[in-house]
Amino acid sequence: MKTTKIIYWISTGIICLFSLGTIQMNSQMAIDGANHLLIPRYLGIQVSIGQLIGCVLLIVPAIPARFKEWAYVGYGIMYITAKLIT
C-alpha cells in the first residue's frame, strides 16, 4: 500500500508541475503565438483556469475520489489531444 501511495503522489506532483506552467499561457509571447494560429484568446484562459482547478482537486486530500478521477480524465484528454495536434 505504501508503494502505491508513493507512486500516486509522485505522478500527481508531476502533473501539477505541468499545470503550473499554464501561468505562462498568459504571457505576451503565448498570446501572439495563439493569435498567429487563429486560436481564440478565451480558449487559453479556459485551459489555464481548468488546469489550475484540476491541480487543486488533485492536491487537496479532502476532495472525494470521484472528483480526482474526473480531474485525471480531463488531464488525459487534454494531453492526448495536444499530442495528436502536434
PDB file of N, CA and C in Angstrom:
ATOM      1  N   MET A   1       0.817  -1.194   0.000  1.00  0.00           N
ATOM      2  CA  MET A   1       0.000   0.000   0.000  1.00  0.00           C
ATOM      3  C   MET A   1       0.864   1.262   0.000  1.00  0.00           C
ATOM      4  N   LYS A   2       2.004   1.213   0.703  1.00  0.00           N
ATOM      5  CA  LYS A   2       2.867   2.376   0.774  1.00  0.00           C
ATOM      6  C   LYS A   2       3.458   2.696  -0.598  1.00  0.00           C
ATOM      7  N   THR A   3       3.822   1.680  -1.359  1.00  0.00           N
ATOM      8  CA  THR A   3       4.375   1.899  -2.697  1.00  0.00           C
ATOM      9  C   THR A   3       3.341   2.551  -3.604  1.00  0.00           C
ATOM     10  N   THR A   4       2.098   2.126  -3.499  1.00  0.00           N
ATOM     11  CA  THR A   4       1.032   2.708  -4.314  1.00  0.00           C
ATOM     12  C   THR A   4       0.853   4.191  -4.000  1.00  0.00           C
ATOM     13  N   LYS A   5       0.889   4.553  -2.728  1.00  0.00           N
ATOM     14  CA  LYS A   5       0.734   5.956  -2.354  1.00  0.00           C
ATOM     15  C   LYS A   5       1.915   6.789  -2.841  1.00  0.00           C
ATOM     16  N   ILE A   6       3.115   6.222  -2.778  1.00  0.00           N
ATOM     17  CA  ILE A   6       4.290   6.947  -3.254  1.00  0.00           C
ATOM     18  C   ILE A   6       4.178   7.200  -4.754  1.00  0.00           C
ATOM     19  N   ILE A   7       3.781   6.196  -5.506  1.00  0.00           N
ATOM     20  CA  ILE A   7       3.618   6.342  -6.956  1.00  0.00           C
ATOM     21  C   ILE A   7       2.518   7.361  -7.254  1.00  0.00           C
ATOM     22  N   TYR A   8       1.431   7.308  -6.498  1.00  0.00           N
ATOM     23  CA  TYR A   8       0.329   8.252  -6.701  1.00  0.00           C
ATOM     24  C   TYR A   8       0.798   9.686  -6.490  1.00  0.00           C
ATOM     25  N   TRP A   9       1.496   9.958  -5.395  1.00  0.00           N
ATOM     26  CA  TRP A   9       1.893  11.328  -5.104  1.00  0.00           C
ATOM     27  C   TRP A   9       2.984  11.821  -6.044  1.00  0.00           C
ATOM     28  N   ILE A  10       3.855  10.941  -6.509  1.00  0.00           N
ATOM     29  CA  ILE A  10       4.870  11.353  -7.487  1.00  0.00           C
ATOM     30  C   ILE A  10       4.205  11.723  -8.809  1.00  0.00           C
ATOM     31  N   SER A  11       3.289  10.876  -9.280  1.00  0.00           N
ATOM     32  CA  SER A  11       2.612  11.178 -10.548  1.00  0.00           C
ATOM     33  C   SER A  11       1.733  12.424 -10.418  1.00  0.00           C
ATOM     34  N   THR A  12       1.079  12.595  -9.289  1.00  0.00           N
ATOM     35  CA  THR A  12       0.259  13.778  -9.062  1.00  0.00           C
ATOM     36  C   THR A  12       1.131  15.034  -9.035  1.00  0.00           C
ATOM     37  N   GLY A  13       2.283  14.943  -8.405  1.00  0.00           N
ATOM     38  CA  GLY A  13       3.204  16.078  -8.362  1.00  0.00           C
ATOM     39  C   GLY A  13       3.702  16.468  -9.740  1.00  0.00           C
ATOM     40  N   ILE A  14       4.012  15.479 -10.571  1.00  0.00           N
ATOM     41  CA  ILE A  14       4.475  15.761 -11.936  1.00  0.00           C
ATOM     42  C   ILE A  14       3.374  16.441 -12.743  1.00  0.00           C
ATOM     43  N   ILE A  15       2.159  15.928 -12.647  1.00  0.00           N
ATOM     44  CA  ILE A  15       1.044  16.535 -13.381  1.00  0.00           C
ATOM     45  C   ILE A  15       0.792  17.960 -12.903  1.00  0.00           C
ATOM     46  N   CYS A  16       0.877  18.197 -11.608  1.00  0.00           N
ATOM     47  CA  CYS A  16       0.644  19.547 -11.096  1.00  0.00           C
ATOM     48  C   CYS A  16       1.774  20.497 -11.488  1.00  0.00           C
ATOM     49  N   LEU A  17       3.003  19.994 -11.607  1.00  0.00           N
ATOM     50  CA  LEU A  17       4.086  20.848 -12.100  1.00  0.00           C
ATOM     51  C   LEU A  17       3.825  21.280 -13.532  1.00  0.00           C
ATOM     52  N   PHE A  18       3.312  20.363 -14.360  1.00  0.00           N
ATOM     53  CA  PHE A  18       2.926  20.735 -15.719  1.00  0.00           C
ATOM     54  C   PHE A  18       1.793  21.751 -15.692  1.00  0.00           C
ATOM     55  N   SER A  19       0.886  21.608 -14.767  1.00  0.00           N
ATOM     56  CA  SER A  19      -0.258  22.524 -14.682  1.00  0.00           C
ATOM     57  C   SER A  19       0.167  23.923 -14.292  1.00  0.00           C
ATOM     58  N   LEU A  20       1.196  24.019 -13.469  1.00  0.00           N
ATOM     59  CA  LEU A  20       1.645  25.347 -13.065  1.00  0.00           C
ATOM     60  C   LEU A  20       2.268  26.105 -14.232  1.00  0.00           C
ATOM     61  N   GLY A  21       2.599  25.417 -15.300  1.00  0.00           N
ATOM     62  CA  GLY A  21       3.110  26.067 -16.491  1.00  0.00           C
ATOM     63  C   GLY A  21       2.061  26.867 -17.228  1.00  0.00           C
ATOM     64  N   THR A  22       0.799  26.721 -16.847  1.00  0.00           N
ATOM     65  CA  THR A  22      -0.266  27.469 -17.523  1.00  0.00           C
ATOM     66  C   THR A  22      -0.187  28.952 -17.216  1.00  0.00           C
ATOM     67  N   ILE A  23       0.574  29.316 -16.198  1.00  0.00           N
ATOM     68  CA  ILE A  23       0.760  30.739 -15.906  1.00  0.00           C
ATOM     69  C   ILE A  23       1.433  31.413 -17.099  1.00  0.00           C
ATOM     70  N   GLN A  24       2.275  30.664 -17.803  1.00  0.00           N
ATOM     71  CA  GLN A  24       2.966  31.225 -18.969  1.00  0.00           C
ATOM     72  C   GLN A  24       2.042  31.372 -20.168  1.00  0.00           C
ATOM     73  N   MET A  25       0.863  30.767 -20.136  1.00  0.00           N
ATOM     74  CA  MET A  25      -0.066  30.906 -21.259  1.00  0.00           C
ATOM     75  C   MET A  25      -0.606  32.321 -21.367  1.00  0.00           C
ATOM     76  N   ASN A  26      -0.405  33.124 -20.346  1.00  0.00           N
ATOM     77  CA  ASN A  26      -0.890  34.497 -20.370  1.00  0.00           C
ATOM     78  C   ASN A  26       0.226  35.486 -20.675  1.00  0.00           C
ATOM     79  N   SER A  27       1.411  34.977 -21.063  1.00  0.00           N
ATOM     80  CA  SER A  27       2.493  35.881 -21.437  1.00  0.00           C
ATOM     81  C   SER A  27       2.219  36.446 -22.830  1.00  0.00           C
ATOM     82  N   GLN A  28       2.889  37.518 -23.137  1.00  0.00           N
ATOM     83  CA  GLN A  28       2.664  38.165 -24.426  1.00  0.00           C
ATOM     84  C   GLN A  28       3.092  37.262 -25.579  1.00  0.00           C
ATOM     85  N   MET A  29       4.157  36.476 -25.396  1.00  0.00           N
ATOM     86  CA  MET A  29       4.615  35.570 -26.446  1.00  0.00           C
ATOM     87  C   MET A  29       3.566  34.497 -26.742  1.00  0.00           C
ATOM     88  N   ALA A  30       2.937  33.963 -25.699  1.00  0.00           N
ATOM     89  CA  ALA A  30       1.902  32.948 -25.890  1.00  0.00           C
ATOM     90  C   ALA A  30       0.668  33.543 -26.566  1.00  0.00           C
ATOM     91  N   ILE A  31       0.311  34.743 -26.187  1.00  0.00           N
ATOM     92  CA  ILE A  31      -0.848  35.407 -26.797  1.00  0.00           C
ATOM     93  C   ILE A  31      -0.592  35.669 -28.278  1.00  0.00           C
ATOM     94  N   ASP A  32       0.619  36.145 -28.602  1.00  0.00           N
ATOM     95  CA  ASP A  32       0.958  36.398 -30.009  1.00  0.00           C
ATOM     96  C   ASP A  32       0.967  35.102 -30.819  1.00  0.00           C
ATOM     97  N   GLY A  33       1.506  34.031 -30.232  1.00  0.00           N
ATOM     98  CA  GLY A  33       1.515  32.746 -30.933  1.00  0.00           C
ATOM     99  C   GLY A  33       0.116  32.209 -31.176  1.00  0.00           C
ATOM    100  N   ALA A  34      -0.755  32.364 -30.192  1.00  0.00           N
ATOM    101  CA  ALA A  34      -2.135  31.896 -30.353  1.00  0.00           C
ATOM    102  C   ALA A  34      -2.864  32.728 -31.410  1.00  0.00           C
ATOM    103  N   ASN A  35      -2.613  34.023 -31.419  1.00  0.00           N
ATOM    104  CA  ASN A  35      -3.230  34.876 -32.440  1.00  0.00           C
ATOM    105  C   ASN A  35      -2.737  34.505 -33.839  1.00  0.00           C
ATOM    106  N   HIS A  36      -1.456  34.176 -33.943  1.00  0.00           N
ATOM    107  CA  HIS A  36      -0.898  33.780 -35.233  1.00  0.00           C
ATOM    108  C   HIS A  36      -1.558  32.499 -35.754  1.00  0.00           C
ATOM    109  N   LEU A  37      -1.888  31.594 -34.833  1.00  0.00           N
ATOM    110  CA  LEU A  37      -2.537  30.328 -35.212  1.00  0.00           C
ATOM    111  C   LEU A  37      -4.056  30.437 -35.255  1.00  0.00           C
ATOM    112  N   LEU A  38      -4.574  31.641 -35.062  1.00  0.00           N
ATOM    113  CA  LEU A  38      -6.019  31.916 -35.063  1.00  0.00           C
ATOM    114  C   LEU A  38      -6.771  31.176 -33.960  1.00  0.00           C
ATOM    115  N   ILE A  39      -6.101  30.977 -32.840  1.00  0.00           N
ATOM    116  CA  ILE A  39      -6.741  30.359 -31.672  1.00  0.00           C
ATOM    117  C   ILE A  39      -7.351  31.488 -30.844  1.00  0.00           C
ATOM    118  N   PRO A  40      -8.642  31.391 -30.510  1.00  0.00           N
ATOM    119  CA  PRO A  40      -9.279  32.475 -29.756  1.00  0.00           C
ATOM    120  C   PRO A  40      -8.647  32.647 -28.376  1.00  0.00           C
ATOM    121  N   ARG A  41      -8.618  33.854 -27.898  1.00  0.00           N
ATOM    122  CA  ARG A  41      -7.998  34.174 -26.617  1.00  0.00           C
ATOM    123  C   ARG A  41      -8.707  33.478 -25.455  1.00  0.00           C
ATOM    124  N   TYR A  42     -10.031  33.369 -25.546  1.00  0.00           N
ATOM    125  CA  TYR A  42     -10.773  32.761 -24.437  1.00  0.00           C
ATOM    126  C   TYR A  42     -10.392  31.300 -24.225  1.00  0.00           C
ATOM    127  N   LEU A  43      -9.911  30.607 -25.243  1.00  0.00           N
ATOM    128  CA  LEU A  43      -9.533  29.207 -25.090  1.00  0.00           C
ATOM    129  C   LEU A  43      -8.321  29.066 -24.168  1.00  0.00           C
ATOM    130  N   GLY A  44      -7.346  29.952 -24.319  1.00  0.00           N
ATOM    131  CA  GLY A  44      -6.182  29.927 -23.430  1.00  0.00           C
ATOM    132  C   GLY A  44      -6.555  30.197 -21.989  1.00  0.00           C
ATOM    133  N   ILE A  45      -7.493  31.120 -21.798  1.00  0.00           N
ATOM    134  CA  ILE A  45      -7.938  31.435 -20.442  1.00  0.00           C
ATOM    135  C   ILE A  45      -8.685  30.240 -19.841  1.00  0.00           C
ATOM    136  N   GLN A  46      -9.536  29.591 -20.643  1.00  0.00           N
ATOM    137  CA  GLN A  46     -10.279  28.426 -20.145  1.00  0.00           C
ATOM    138  C   GLN A  46      -9.334  27.285 -19.775  1.00  0.00           C
ATOM    139  N   VAL A  47      -8.341  27.045 -20.593  1.00  0.00           N
ATOM    140  CA  VAL A  47      -7.387  25.973 -20.303  1.00  0.00           C
ATOM    141  C   VAL A  47      -6.600  26.288 -19.032  1.00  0.00           C
ATOM    142  N   SER A  48      -6.194  27.549 -18.876  1.00  0.00           N
ATOM    143  CA  SER A  48      -5.451  27.950 -17.681  1.00  0.00           C
ATOM    144  C   SER A  48      -6.273  27.737 -16.415  1.00  0.00           C
ATOM    145  N   ILE A  49      -7.503  28.196 -16.442  1.00  0.00           N
ATOM    146  CA  ILE A  49      -8.366  28.059 -15.266  1.00  0.00           C
ATOM    147  C   ILE A  49      -8.663  26.589 -14.993  1.00  0.00           C
ATOM    148  N   GLY A  50      -8.939  25.816 -16.042  1.00  0.00           N
ATOM    149  CA  GLY A  50      -9.226  24.394 -15.861  1.00  0.00           C
ATOM    150  C   GLY A  50      -8.057  23.627 -15.279  1.00  0.00           C
ATOM    151  N   GLN A  51      -6.842  23.943 -15.734  1.00  0.00           N
ATOM    152  CA  GLN A  51      -5.680  23.242 -15.205  1.00  0.00           C
ATOM    153  C   GLN A  51      -5.416  23.610 -13.750  1.00  0.00           C
ATOM    154  N   LEU A  52      -5.599  24.864 -13.404  1.00  0.00           N
ATOM    155  CA  LEU A  52      -5.384  25.254 -12.011  1.00  0.00           C
ATOM    156  C   LEU A  52      -6.433  24.628 -11.084  1.00  0.00           C
ATOM    157  N   ILE A  53      -7.678  24.561 -11.531  1.00  0.00           N
ATOM    158  CA  ILE A  53      -8.715  23.894 -10.736  1.00  0.00           C
ATOM    159  C   ILE A  53      -8.400  22.406 -10.608  1.00  0.00           C
ATOM    160  N   GLY A  54      -7.971  21.785 -11.698  1.00  0.00           N
ATOM    161  CA  GLY A  54      -7.598  20.373 -11.656  1.00  0.00           C
ATOM    162  C   GLY A  54      -6.441  20.114 -10.715  1.00  0.00           C
ATOM    163  N   CYS A  55      -5.476  21.019 -10.694  1.00  0.00           N
ATOM    164  CA  CYS A  55      -4.339  20.870  -9.786  1.00  0.00           C
ATOM    165  C   CYS A  55      -4.796  20.919  -8.329  1.00  0.00           C
ATOM    166  N   VAL A  56      -5.689  21.840  -8.015  1.00  0.00           N
ATOM    167  CA  VAL A  56      -6.211  21.937  -6.644  1.00  0.00           C
ATOM    168  C   VAL A  56      -6.982  20.672  -6.289  1.00  0.00           C
ATOM    169  N   LEU A  57      -7.785  20.172  -7.227  1.00  0.00           N
ATOM    170  CA  LEU A  57      -8.551  18.945  -6.956  1.00  0.00           C
ATOM    171  C   LEU A  57      -7.637  17.770  -6.666  1.00  0.00           C
ATOM    172  N   LEU A  58      -6.494  17.698  -7.338  1.00  0.00           N
ATOM    173  CA  LEU A  58      -5.599  16.563  -7.136  1.00  0.00           C
ATOM    174  C   LEU A  58      -4.767  16.681  -5.868  1.00  0.00           C
ATOM    175  N   ILE A  59      -4.403  17.892  -5.484  1.00  0.00           N
ATOM    176  CA  ILE A  59      -3.506  18.072  -4.344  1.00  0.00           C
ATOM    177  C   ILE A  59      -4.229  17.992  -3.000  1.00  0.00           C
ATOM    178  N   VAL A  60      -5.428  18.533  -2.908  1.00  0.00           N
ATOM    179  CA  VAL A  60      -6.141  18.583  -1.621  1.00  0.00           C
ATOM    180  C   VAL A  60      -6.656  17.189  -1.274  1.00  0.00           C
ATOM    181  N   PRO A  61      -6.221  16.633  -0.145  1.00  0.00           N
ATOM    182  CA  PRO A  61      -6.626  15.262   0.213  1.00  0.00           C
ATOM    183  C   PRO A  61      -8.104  15.114   0.578  1.00  0.00           C
ATOM    184  N   ALA A  62      -8.782  16.187   0.988  1.00  0.00           N
ATOM    185  CA  ALA A  62     -10.169  16.081   1.437  1.00  0.00           C
ATOM    186  C   ALA A  62     -11.165  15.979   0.281  1.00  0.00           C
ATOM    187  N   ILE A  63     -10.710  16.159  -0.945  1.00  0.00           N
ATOM    188  CA  ILE A  63     -11.591  16.082  -2.110  1.00  0.00           C
ATOM    189  C   ILE A  63     -11.961  14.618  -2.350  1.00  0.00           C
ATOM    190  N   PRO A  64     -13.240  14.318  -2.593  1.00  0.00           N
ATOM    191  CA  PRO A  64     -13.630  12.927  -2.854  1.00  0.00           C
ATOM    192  C   PRO A  64     -12.923  12.343  -4.090  1.00  0.00           C
ATOM    193  N   ALA A  65     -12.755  11.040  -4.079  1.00  0.00           N
ATOM    194  CA  ALA A  65     -12.026  10.356  -5.145  1.00  0.00           C
ATOM    195  C   ALA A  65     -12.702  10.514  -6.505  1.00  0.00           C
ATOM    196  N   ARG A  66     -14.017  10.637  -6.521  1.00  0.00           N
ATOM    197  CA  ARG A  66     -14.741  10.785  -7.785  1.00  0.00           C
ATOM    198  C   ARG A  66     -14.290  12.041  -8.531  1.00  0.00           C
ATOM    199  N   PHE A  67     -14.092  13.144  -7.812  1.00  0.00           N
ATOM    200  CA  PHE A  67     -13.645  14.381  -8.451  1.00  0.00           C
ATOM    201  C   PHE A  67     -12.208  14.250  -8.954  1.00  0.00           C
ATOM    202  N   LYS A  68     -11.388  13.545  -8.185  1.00  0.00           N
ATOM    203  CA  LYS A  68      -9.998  13.343  -8.609  1.00  0.00           C
ATOM    204  C   LYS A  68      -9.932  12.494  -9.873  1.00  0.00           C
ATOM    205  N   GLU A  69     -10.794  11.496  -9.971  1.00  0.00           N
ATOM    206  CA  GLU A  69     -10.830  10.662 -11.177  1.00  0.00           C
ATOM    207  C   GLU A  69     -11.161  11.509 -12.394  1.00  0.00           C
ATOM    208  N   TRP A  70     -12.132  12.399 -12.263  1.00  0.00           N
ATOM    209  CA  TRP A  70     -12.516  13.234 -13.402  1.00  0.00           C
ATOM    210  C   TRP A  70     -11.455  14.282 -13.718  1.00  0.00           C
ATOM    211  N   ALA A  71     -10.715  14.713 -12.710  1.00  0.00           N
ATOM    212  CA  ALA A  71      -9.597  15.630 -12.981  1.00  0.00           C
ATOM    213  C   ALA A  71      -8.536  14.921 -13.810  1.00  0.00           C
ATOM    214  N   TYR A  72      -8.234  13.671 -13.467  1.00  0.00           N
ATOM    215  CA  TYR A  72      -7.269  12.891 -14.252  1.00  0.00           C
ATOM    216  C   TYR A  72      -7.787  12.650 -15.672  1.00  0.00           C
ATOM    217  N   VAL A  73      -9.082  12.406 -15.809  1.00  0.00           N
ATOM    218  CA  VAL A  73      -9.661  12.222 -17.155  1.00  0.00           C
ATOM    219  C   VAL A  73      -9.493  13.494 -17.966  1.00  0.00           C
ATOM    220  N   GLY A  74      -9.763  14.625 -17.359  1.00  0.00           N
ATOM    221  CA  GLY A  74      -9.605  15.906 -18.055  1.00  0.00           C
ATOM    222  C   GLY A  74      -8.177  16.146 -18.496  1.00  0.00           C
ATOM    223  N   TYR A  75      -7.223  15.849 -17.610  1.00  0.00           N
ATOM    224  CA  TYR A  75      -5.816  15.991 -17.980  1.00  0.00           C
ATOM    225  C   TYR A  75      -5.452  15.031 -19.107  1.00  0.00           C
ATOM    226  N   GLY A  76      -5.927  13.810 -19.018  1.00  0.00           N
ATOM    227  CA  GLY A  76      -5.628  12.826 -20.062  1.00  0.00           C
ATOM    228  C   GLY A  76      -6.147  13.255 -21.421  1.00  0.00           C
ATOM    229  N   ILE A  77      -7.385  13.721 -21.458  1.00  0.00           N
ATOM    230  CA  ILE A  77      -7.966  14.182 -22.720  1.00  0.00           C
ATOM    231  C   ILE A  77      -7.175  15.370 -23.264  1.00  0.00           C
ATOM    232  N   MET A  78      -6.811  16.285 -22.389  1.00  0.00           N
ATOM    233  CA  MET A  78      -6.084  17.468 -22.829  1.00  0.00           C
ATOM    234  C   MET A  78      -4.712  17.097 -23.395  1.00  0.00           C
ATOM    235  N   TYR A  79      -3.965  16.234 -22.696  1.00  0.00           N
ATOM    236  CA  TYR A  79      -2.626  15.873 -23.164  1.00  0.00           C
ATOM    237  C   TYR A  79      -2.676  15.006 -24.420  1.00  0.00           C
ATOM    238  N   ILE A  80      -3.635  14.111 -24.511  1.00  0.00           N
ATOM    239  CA  ILE A  80      -3.758  13.286 -25.725  1.00  0.00           C
ATOM    240  C   ILE A  80      -4.136  14.158 -26.922  1.00  0.00           C
ATOM    241  N   THR A  81      -5.056  15.092 -26.719  1.00  0.00           N
ATOM    242  CA  THR A  81      -5.441  15.996 -27.794  1.00  0.00           C
ATOM    243  C   THR A  81      -4.257  16.861 -28.227  1.00  0.00           C
ATOM    244  N   ALA A  82      -3.488  17.353 -27.269  1.00  0.00           N
ATOM    245  CA  ALA A  82      -2.322  18.169 -27.615  1.00  0.00           C
ATOM    246  C   ALA A  82      -1.299  17.356 -28.394  1.00  0.00           C
ATOM    247  N   LYS A  83      -1.123  16.107 -28.041  1.00  0.00           N
ATOM    248  CA  LYS A  83      -0.172  15.252 -28.747  1.00  0.00           C
ATOM    249  C   LYS A  83      -0.660  14.959 -30.164  1.00  0.00           C
ATOM    250  N   LEU A  84      -1.956  14.746 -30.333  1.00  0.00           N
ATOM    251  CA  LEU A  84      -2.498  14.460 -31.674  1.00  0.00           C
ATOM    252  C   LEU A  84      -2.408  15.673 -32.590  1.00  0.00           C
ATOM    253  N   ILE A  85      -2.505  16.869 -32.016  1.00  0.00           N
ATOM    254  CA  ILE A  85      -2.451  18.075 -32.838  1.00  0.00           C
ATOM    255  C   ILE A  85      -1.040  18.331 -33.330  1.00  0.00           C
ATOM    256  N   THR A  86      -0.047  18.032 -32.506  1.00  0.00           N
ATOM    257  CA  THR A  86       1.344  18.335 -32.909  1.00  0.00           C
ATOM    258  C   THR A  86       1.916  17.345 -33.846  1.00  0.00           C
TER     259      THR A  86
END
